[in-house]
Amino acid sequence: MKILMAALIYLFLATATYAQTTRAICPVVLPNEIGEQELINLTWLVAKCIQPIRDEHGPVVINSGFRCLELNRAIGSGDGSSHIHAGSASASDIEALNISNYELAKWITENLEYDTVILEFPGPDKRDGWV
């Protein structure tokens, strides 16, 4: 289990520090270095949120995760975002491939420990938006 968790954290960091949303909106590579507190927060996020979602619903797509302040600003997100550093780095924009984003947001609120759950840009198609 420890090896699997380490692999998931590595995959999350590799994906979340330069995810598809970032590449689409901000193709310039900005420094996105992670500190010790951010690593602790992201480890918690993977262990307590991402992995339980994977266990229950299968594959999870990480659209965005940790961002340095410069990157966060470059893609138009606010300085108060939980995606940024300064001890936070505790957010991720995700989709679970086997359920709608609405169903995913509902499942998270009913089953996981969380600070904030946001269903972004829901639409008529179950793949619209992200959580």
Protein backbone atom coordinates (compact mmCIF):
# COMPACT_ATOMS: atom_id res chain seq x y z
CA MET A 1 0.00 0.00 0.00
CA LYS A 2 2.84 2.44 0.80
CA ILE A 3 4.40 1.86 -2.63
CA LEU A 4 1.05 2.41 -4.34
CA MET A 5 0.44 5.60 -2.35
CA ALA A 6 3.92 6.89 -3.16
CA ALA A 7 3.33 6.18 -6.83
CA LEU A 8 -0.04 7.95 -6.72
CA ILE A 9 1.47 10.99 -5.03
CA TYR A 10 4.24 11.12 -7.61
CA LEU A 11 1.70 10.80 -10.42
CA PHE A 12 -0.48 13.48 -8.86
CA LEU A 13 2.45 15.88 -8.50
CA ALA A 14 3.65 15.25 -12.03
CA THR A 15 0.16 15.74 -13.42
CA ALA A 16 -1.09 18.47 -11.14
CA THR A 17 1.89 20.77 -11.42
CA TYR A 18 1.44 21.07 -15.19
CA ALA A 19 -1.98 19.71 -15.98
CA GLN A 20 -4.06 19.98 -19.12
CA THR A 21 -5.88 23.14 -18.04
CA THR A 22 -2.56 24.84 -17.45
CA ARG A 23 -1.13 23.74 -20.80
CA ALA A 24 -4.20 24.95 -22.66
CA ILE A 25 -4.37 28.37 -21.02
CA CYS A 26 -0.76 29.08 -20.14
CA PRO A 27 1.66 27.30 -22.50
CA VAL A 28 4.65 29.18 -21.05
CA VAL A 29 6.33 27.04 -18.42
CA LEU A 30 6.52 28.92 -15.14
CA PRO A 31 8.41 27.73 -12.07
CA ASN A 32 6.07 25.48 -10.15
CA GLU A 33 8.25 24.30 -7.31
CA ILE A 34 6.72 22.64 -4.31
CA GLY A 35 7.73 23.11 -0.69
CA GLU A 36 7.52 20.77 2.29
CA GLN A 37 4.12 21.99 3.53
CA GLU A 38 2.66 21.79 0.06
CA LEU A 39 3.91 18.21 -0.26
CA ILE A 40 2.26 17.33 3.07
CA ASN A 41 -1.02 18.89 1.92
CA LEU A 42 -0.94 17.15 -1.46
CA THR A 43 -0.16 13.83 0.22
CA TRP A 44 -3.26 14.30 2.37
CA LEU A 45 -5.30 15.26 -0.71
CA VAL A 46 -4.26 12.11 -2.55
CA ALA A 47 -4.74 9.82 0.46
CA LYS A 48 -8.04 11.24 1.69
CA CYS A 49 -9.72 12.42 -1.51
CA ILE A 50 -8.24 11.26 -4.81
CA GLN A 51 -7.61 7.65 -3.82
CA PRO A 52 -11.02 7.10 -2.20
CA ILE A 53 -12.64 8.52 -5.34
CA ARG A 54 -10.56 6.12 -7.47
CA ASP A 55 -11.46 3.21 -5.19
CA GLU A 56 -15.18 3.95 -5.50
CA HIS A 57 -15.51 5.26 -9.06
CA GLY A 58 -12.46 4.18 -11.05
CA PRO A 59 -10.16 6.41 -13.11
CA VAL A 60 -9.78 10.06 -12.11
CA VAL A 61 -8.61 12.80 -14.47
CA ILE A 62 -6.65 15.57 -12.78
CA ASN A 63 -7.27 18.77 -14.73
CA SER A 64 -5.33 21.01 -12.37
CA GLY A 65 -3.67 20.86 -8.99
CA PHE A 66 -0.83 22.71 -7.29
CA ARG A 67 0.11 26.02 -8.91
CA CYS A 68 2.74 28.57 -8.01
CA LEU A 69 1.36 32.09 -7.55
CA GLU A 70 2.69 33.26 -10.92
CA LEU A 71 1.03 30.38 -12.74
CA ASN A 72 -2.21 30.86 -10.82
CA ARG A 73 -2.28 34.51 -11.88
CA ALA A 74 -1.33 33.66 -15.48
CA ILE A 75 -4.42 31.47 -15.88
CA GLY A 76 -6.68 34.08 -14.29
CA SER A 77 -7.31 32.47 -10.91
CA GLY A 78 -7.49 34.50 -7.68
CA ASP A 79 -4.67 34.87 -5.19
CA GLY A 80 -6.84 33.21 -2.53
CA SER A 81 -7.04 29.95 -4.47
CA SER A 82 -6.32 26.76 -2.55
CA HIS A 83 -4.31 25.64 -5.60
CA ILE A 84 -1.43 27.99 -4.77
CA HIS A 85 1.51 27.66 -2.42
CA ALA A 86 2.04 29.53 0.86
CA GLY A 87 1.19 26.42 2.84
CA SER A 88 -1.96 25.54 0.93
CA ALA A 89 -1.67 23.45 -2.25
CA SER A 90 -4.71 21.55 -1.12
CA ALA A 91 -6.96 21.75 -4.16
CA SER A 92 -7.41 19.81 -7.33
CA ASP A 93 -9.77 20.08 -10.28
CA ILE A 94 -10.83 16.56 -11.17
CA GLU A 95 -13.29 14.38 -13.05
CA ALA A 96 -14.12 10.73 -12.43
CA LEU A 97 -14.63 9.05 -15.79
CA ASN A 98 -17.39 6.69 -14.71
CA ILE A 99 -19.85 9.19 -13.19
CA SER A 100 -21.06 12.69 -13.94
CA ASN A 101 -19.38 15.66 -12.30
CA TYR A 102 -22.61 16.43 -10.46
CA GLU A 103 -22.71 12.87 -9.07
CA LEU A 104 -19.03 13.13 -8.14
CA ALA A 105 -19.54 16.40 -6.24
CA LYS A 106 -22.53 14.90 -4.42
CA TRP A 107 -20.58 11.73 -3.53
CA ILE A 108 -17.67 13.79 -2.17
CA THR A 109 -19.95 15.84 0.08
CA GLU A 110 -21.57 12.68 1.43
CA ASN A 111 -18.45 10.54 1.88
CA LEU A 112 -15.20 12.50 2.24
CA GLU A 113 -13.57 14.93 4.62
CA TYR A 114 -13.20 18.20 2.73
CA ASP A 115 -12.92 21.95 3.13
CA THR A 116 -14.69 23.11 -0.03
CA VAL A 117 -16.32 21.29 -2.93
CA ILE A 118 -17.01 23.31 -6.06
CA LEU A 119 -18.85 22.03 -9.12
CA GLU A 120 -17.48 24.27 -11.87
CA PHE A 121 -19.38 24.99 -15.10
CA PRO A 122 -21.92 22.15 -14.98
CA GLY A 123 -23.93 21.73 -18.15
CA PRO A 124 -26.31 19.36 -19.87
CA ASP A 125 -23.57 16.85 -20.69
CA LYS A 126 -22.34 14.79 -17.74
CA ARG A 127 -18.75 15.63 -18.71
CA ASP A 128 -19.34 19.40 -18.62
CA GLY A 129 -17.22 21.22 -16.08
CA TRP A 130 -15.20 19.67 -13.28
CA VAL A 131 -15.19 19.26 -9.49
